[in-house]
Amino acid sequence: MRRLTDPIGTRLLNFITNESVKEDANERLKDPASVVRQAREEFLDYFAGRTKVYLLVAAALLAAIGVVDIGTCGAVPNQSYGLTLDLFGAIVLARGLLKGPYGMAAESGEYWNQSPPLRRALAEDAADGIWGVTLLVTGILLQFLAVAGVAVFTYQNCPF
């Protein structure tokens, strides 16, 4: 999966990299190249894993709505497709904010020089943030299409 997602993840990382943060990291870290390499690998690992899971869940949710829509001869409003992706995107975004006491303790604990749990948590949050925003934007676009009258399915002579 990484072979497919690494080019996308790398482009996204380059797009969201803030130059002032980059300069600050180069000044503060003892070995910035090594730390950045570890962080990049951690992110790309989580991004690949999350891509597989989130695409499968989104496809399953949309397929379930499609089955209900077909079974009811189009009674399901077309905005339901977009709203489903919006809800899923919001849940994905919230994952990074909803941590229990063990997650908070692992991230905030003291470590020598670096904090691997914090780096992992930040990589997870970045991957979830990218996917959450992607799902929200896709859901909003689907809602715009539905409001504009673009039908997902059309039913002239529904046999059901």
C-alpha atoms as a PDB file:
ATOM      1  CA  MET A   1       0.000   0.000   0.000  1.00  0.00           C
ATOM      2  CA  ARG A   2       2.869   2.381   0.760  1.00  0.00           C
ATOM      3  CA  ARG A   3       4.011   2.148  -2.829  1.00  0.00           C
ATOM      4  CA  LEU A   4       0.719   3.772  -3.844  1.00  0.00           C
ATOM      5  CA  THR A   5       0.364   6.238  -0.981  1.00  0.00           C
ATOM      6  CA  ASP A   6       3.968   7.449  -0.480  1.00  0.00           C
ATOM      7  CA  PRO A   7       3.981   9.845  -3.467  1.00  0.00           C
ATOM      8  CA  ILE A   8       0.678  11.373  -2.348  1.00  0.00           C
ATOM      9  CA  GLY A   9       1.740  11.543   1.298  1.00  0.00           C
ATOM     10  CA  THR A  10       5.071  13.127   0.395  1.00  0.00           C
ATOM     11  CA  ARG A  11       3.370  15.789  -1.741  1.00  0.00           C
ATOM     12  CA  LEU A  12       0.927  16.518   1.068  1.00  0.00           C
ATOM     13  CA  LEU A  13       3.765  16.846   3.585  1.00  0.00           C
ATOM     14  CA  ASN A  14       5.590  19.244   1.273  1.00  0.00           C
ATOM     15  CA  PHE A  15       2.389  21.238   0.770  1.00  0.00           C
ATOM     16  CA  ILE A  16       1.652  21.627   4.489  1.00  0.00           C
ATOM     17  CA  THR A  17       5.247  22.279   5.590  1.00  0.00           C
ATOM     18  CA  ASN A  18       5.586  25.738   7.097  1.00  0.00           C
ATOM     19  CA  GLU A  19       8.957  27.360   6.349  1.00  0.00           C
ATOM     20  CA  SER A  20       9.180  29.129   9.723  1.00  0.00           C
ATOM     21  CA  VAL A  21       8.575  25.842  11.563  1.00  0.00           C
ATOM     22  CA  LYS A  22      11.204  24.215   9.349  1.00  0.00           C
ATOM     23  CA  GLU A  23      13.763  26.889  10.258  1.00  0.00           C
ATOM     24  CA  ASP A  24      12.884  26.630  13.957  1.00  0.00           C
ATOM     25  CA  ALA A  25      13.316  22.821  13.887  1.00  0.00           C
ATOM     26  CA  ASN A  26      16.695  23.139  12.175  1.00  0.00           C
ATOM     27  CA  GLU A  27      17.857  25.519  14.912  1.00  0.00           C
ATOM     28  CA  ARG A  28      16.514  23.598  17.936  1.00  0.00           C
ATOM     29  CA  LEU A  29      17.126  19.951  17.063  1.00  0.00           C
ATOM     30  CA  LYS A  30      20.505  18.298  17.517  1.00  0.00           C
ATOM     31  CA  ASP A  31      20.128  16.150  14.401  1.00  0.00           C
ATOM     32  CA  PRO A  32      17.238  17.642  12.392  1.00  0.00           C
ATOM     33  CA  ALA A  33      17.720  15.438   9.324  1.00  0.00           C
ATOM     34  CA  SER A  34      17.397  12.240  11.356  1.00  0.00           C
ATOM     35  CA  VAL A  35      14.391  13.465  13.351  1.00  0.00           C
ATOM     36  CA  VAL A  36      12.613  14.739  10.242  1.00  0.00           C
ATOM     37  CA  ARG A  37      13.311  11.445   8.435  1.00  0.00           C
ATOM     38  CA  GLN A  38      11.822   9.476  11.351  1.00  0.00           C
ATOM     39  CA  ALA A  39       8.777  11.748  11.495  1.00  0.00           C
ATOM     40  CA  ARG A  40       8.267  11.481   7.718  1.00  0.00           C
ATOM     41  CA  GLU A  41       8.458   7.673   7.837  1.00  0.00           C
ATOM     42  CA  GLU A  42       6.069   7.548  10.780  1.00  0.00           C
ATOM     43  CA  PHE A  43       3.584   9.742   8.907  1.00  0.00           C
ATOM     44  CA  LEU A  44       3.860   7.762   5.669  1.00  0.00           C
ATOM     45  CA  ASP A  45       3.243   4.507   7.575  1.00  0.00           C
ATOM     46  CA  TYR A  46       0.113   5.864   9.239  1.00  0.00           C
ATOM     47  CA  PHE A  47      -1.066   7.563   6.050  1.00  0.00           C
ATOM     48  CA  ALA A  48      -0.866   4.259   4.144  1.00  0.00           C
ATOM     49  CA  GLY A  49      -2.737   2.396   6.873  1.00  0.00           C
ATOM     50  CA  ARG A  50      -5.386   5.049   7.262  1.00  0.00           C
ATOM     51  CA  THR A  51      -5.861   5.304   3.495  1.00  0.00           C
ATOM     52  CA  LYS A  52      -6.751   1.636   3.272  1.00  0.00           C
ATOM     53  CA  VAL A  53      -9.146   1.738   6.230  1.00  0.00           C
ATOM     54  CA  TYR A  54     -10.834   5.054   5.439  1.00  0.00           C
ATOM     55  CA  LEU A  55     -11.382   4.270   1.764  1.00  0.00           C
ATOM     56  CA  LEU A  56     -12.934   0.908   2.652  1.00  0.00           C
ATOM     57  CA  VAL A  57     -15.209   2.422   5.297  1.00  0.00           C
ATOM     58  CA  ALA A  58     -16.268   5.306   3.016  1.00  0.00           C
ATOM     59  CA  ALA A  59     -16.997   2.880   0.158  1.00  0.00           C
ATOM     60  CA  ALA A  60     -19.012   0.621   2.486  1.00  0.00           C
ATOM     61  CA  LEU A  61     -21.036   3.549   3.821  1.00  0.00           C
ATOM     62  CA  LEU A  62     -21.787   4.869   0.332  1.00  0.00           C
ATOM     63  CA  ALA A  63     -22.625   1.387  -0.907  1.00  0.00           C
ATOM     64  CA  ALA A  64     -25.044   0.867   2.005  1.00  0.00           C
ATOM     65  CA  ILE A  65     -26.824   4.126   1.196  1.00  0.00           C
ATOM     66  CA  GLY A  66     -26.881   3.168  -2.490  1.00  0.00           C
ATOM     67  CA  VAL A  67     -28.478  -0.186  -1.701  1.00  0.00           C
ATOM     68  CA  VAL A  68     -31.149   1.498   0.414  1.00  0.00           C
ATOM     69  CA  ASP A  69     -31.650   4.129  -2.290  1.00  0.00           C
ATOM     70  CA  ILE A  70     -32.112   1.493  -4.999  1.00  0.00           C
ATOM     71  CA  GLY A  71     -34.336  -0.614  -2.757  1.00  0.00           C
ATOM     72  CA  THR A  72     -36.618   2.346  -2.096  1.00  0.00           C
ATOM     73  CA  CYS A  73     -36.702   3.484  -5.743  1.00  0.00           C
ATOM     74  CA  GLY A  74     -34.874   6.718  -5.043  1.00  0.00           C
ATOM     75  CA  ALA A  75     -36.634   7.734  -1.829  1.00  0.00           C
ATOM     76  CA  VAL A  76     -33.305   8.511  -0.163  1.00  0.00           C
ATOM     77  CA  PRO A  77     -32.367  12.178  -0.718  1.00  0.00           C
ATOM     78  CA  ASN A  78     -29.219  12.557  -2.797  1.00  0.00           C
ATOM     79  CA  GLN A  79     -27.728  14.813  -0.107  1.00  0.00           C
ATOM     80  CA  SER A  80     -27.487  11.694   2.077  1.00  0.00           C
ATOM     81  CA  TYR A  81     -24.360  10.589   0.226  1.00  0.00           C
ATOM     82  CA  GLY A  82     -22.560  13.847   0.989  1.00  0.00           C
ATOM     83  CA  LEU A  83     -23.859  14.039   4.551  1.00  0.00           C
ATOM     84  CA  THR A  84     -22.555  10.535   5.222  1.00  0.00           C
ATOM     85  CA  LEU A  85     -19.059  11.493   4.079  1.00  0.00           C
ATOM     86  CA  ASP A  86     -19.286  14.709   6.135  1.00  0.00           C
ATOM     87  CA  LEU A  87     -20.177  12.763   9.269  1.00  0.00           C
ATOM     88  CA  PHE A  88     -17.410  10.231   8.662  1.00  0.00           C
ATOM     89  CA  GLY A  89     -14.915  13.052   7.999  1.00  0.00           C
ATOM     90  CA  ALA A  90     -15.889  14.778  11.242  1.00  0.00           C
ATOM     91  CA  ILE A  91     -15.361  11.537  13.176  1.00  0.00           C
ATOM     92  CA  VAL A  92     -11.945  11.071  11.558  1.00  0.00           C
ATOM     93  CA  LEU A  93     -10.957  14.645  12.474  1.00  0.00           C
ATOM     94  CA  ALA A  94     -12.151  14.152  16.039  1.00  0.00           C
ATOM     95  CA  ARG A  95      -9.999  11.038  16.531  1.00  0.00           C
ATOM     96  CA  GLY A  96      -6.946  13.193  17.193  1.00  0.00           C
ATOM     97  CA  LEU A  97      -8.774  15.176  19.850  1.00  0.00           C
ATOM     98  CA  LEU A  98     -10.397  12.304  21.691  1.00  0.00           C
ATOM     99  CA  LYS A  99      -7.669  10.711  23.797  1.00  0.00           C
ATOM    100  CA  GLY A 100      -7.973   8.808  27.021  1.00  0.00           C
ATOM    101  CA  PRO A 101      -5.674   9.169  30.018  1.00  0.00           C
ATOM    102  CA  TYR A 102      -3.211   6.555  28.720  1.00  0.00           C
ATOM    103  CA  GLY A 103      -2.886   8.273  25.366  1.00  0.00           C
ATOM    104  CA  MET A 104      -2.333  11.643  27.019  1.00  0.00           C
ATOM    105  CA  ALA A 105       0.195  10.177  29.465  1.00  0.00           C
ATOM    106  CA  ALA A 106       2.179   8.492  26.698  1.00  0.00           C
ATOM    107  CA  GLU A 107       2.316  11.689  24.654  1.00  0.00           C
ATOM    108  CA  SER A 108       3.203  13.993  27.511  1.00  0.00           C
ATOM    109  CA  GLY A 109       5.736  11.747  29.271  1.00  0.00           C
ATOM    110  CA  GLU A 110       9.374  12.727  29.566  1.00  0.00           C
ATOM    111  CA  TYR A 111      11.821  11.090  27.206  1.00  0.00           C
ATOM    112  CA  TRP A 112      15.507  11.558  26.517  1.00  0.00           C
ATOM    113  CA  ASN A 113      16.006  13.879  23.523  1.00  0.00           C
ATOM    114  CA  GLN A 114      12.899  12.737  21.574  1.00  0.00           C
ATOM    115  CA  SER A 115       9.429  11.455  22.303  1.00  0.00           C
ATOM    116  CA  PRO A 116       8.523   8.476  20.092  1.00  0.00           C
ATOM    117  CA  PRO A 117       4.933   8.321  21.430  1.00  0.00           C
ATOM    118  CA  LEU A 118       4.439  12.008  20.675  1.00  0.00           C
ATOM    119  CA  ARG A 119       5.909  11.603  17.190  1.00  0.00           C
ATOM    120  CA  ARG A 120       3.564   8.658  16.543  1.00  0.00           C
ATOM    121  CA  ALA A 121       0.577  10.604  17.846  1.00  0.00           C
ATOM    122  CA  LEU A 122       1.418  13.603  15.676  1.00  0.00           C
ATOM    123  CA  ALA A 123       1.808  11.339  12.624  1.00  0.00           C
ATOM    124  CA  GLU A 124      -1.587   9.764  13.342  1.00  0.00           C
ATOM    125  CA  ASP A 125      -3.172  13.181  13.841  1.00  0.00           C
ATOM    126  CA  ALA A 126      -1.701  14.474  10.576  1.00  0.00           C
ATOM    127  CA  ALA A 127      -2.952  11.450   8.618  1.00  0.00           C
ATOM    128  CA  ASP A 128      -6.384  11.680  10.251  1.00  0.00           C
ATOM    129  CA  GLY A 129      -6.488  15.429   9.630  1.00  0.00           C
ATOM    130  CA  ILE A 130      -5.725  15.035   5.939  1.00  0.00           C
ATOM    131  CA  TRP A 131      -8.321  12.301   5.512  1.00  0.00           C
ATOM    132  CA  GLY A 132     -10.909  14.101   7.649  1.00  0.00           C
ATOM    133  CA  VAL A 133     -10.642  17.275   5.576  1.00  0.00           C
ATOM    134  CA  THR A 134     -10.691  15.244   2.342  1.00  0.00           C
ATOM    135  CA  LEU A 135     -13.870  13.433   3.406  1.00  0.00           C
ATOM    136  CA  LEU A 136     -15.546  16.663   4.523  1.00  0.00           C
ATOM    137  CA  VAL A 137     -14.747  18.470   1.278  1.00  0.00           C
ATOM    138  CA  THR A 138     -15.882  15.490  -0.807  1.00  0.00           C
ATOM    139  CA  GLY A 139     -19.113  15.309   1.191  1.00  0.00           C
ATOM    140  CA  ILE A 140     -19.796  19.005   0.706  1.00  0.00           C
ATOM    141  CA  LEU A 141     -19.143  18.690  -3.037  1.00  0.00           C
ATOM    142  CA  LEU A 142     -21.590  15.775  -3.238  1.00  0.00           C
ATOM    143  CA  GLN A 143     -24.189  17.882  -1.442  1.00  0.00           C
ATOM    144  CA  PHE A 144     -23.645  20.744  -3.899  1.00  0.00           C
ATOM    145  CA  LEU A 145     -24.134  18.330  -6.785  1.00  0.00           C
ATOM    146  CA  ALA A 146     -27.336  17.006  -5.208  1.00  0.00           C
ATOM    147  CA  VAL A 147     -28.708  20.515  -4.688  1.00  0.00           C
ATOM    148  CA  ALA A 148     -27.764  21.379  -8.295  1.00  0.00           C
ATOM    149  CA  GLY A 149     -29.959  18.499  -9.443  1.00  0.00           C
ATOM    150  CA  VAL A 150     -27.301  15.959 -10.367  1.00  0.00           C
ATOM    151  CA  ALA A 151     -28.889  12.611  -9.500  1.00  0.00           C
ATOM    152  CA  VAL A 152     -26.861   9.661  -8.257  1.00  0.00           C
ATOM    153  CA  PHE A 153     -29.464   7.205  -9.515  1.00  0.00           C
ATOM    154  CA  THR A 154     -32.460   7.869 -11.761  1.00  0.00           C
ATOM    155  CA  TYR A 155     -35.608   5.795 -11.558  1.00  0.00           C
ATOM    156  CA  GLN A 156     -38.060   5.932 -14.456  1.00  0.00           C
ATOM    157  CA  ASN A 157     -39.817   2.603 -14.075  1.00  0.00           C
ATOM    158  CA  CYS A 158     -38.844   1.234 -10.699  1.00  0.00           C
ATOM    159  CA  PRO A 159     -39.745  -2.475 -10.479  1.00  0.00           C
ATOM    160  CA  PHE A 160     -39.928  -2.447  -6.685  1.00  0.00           C
END
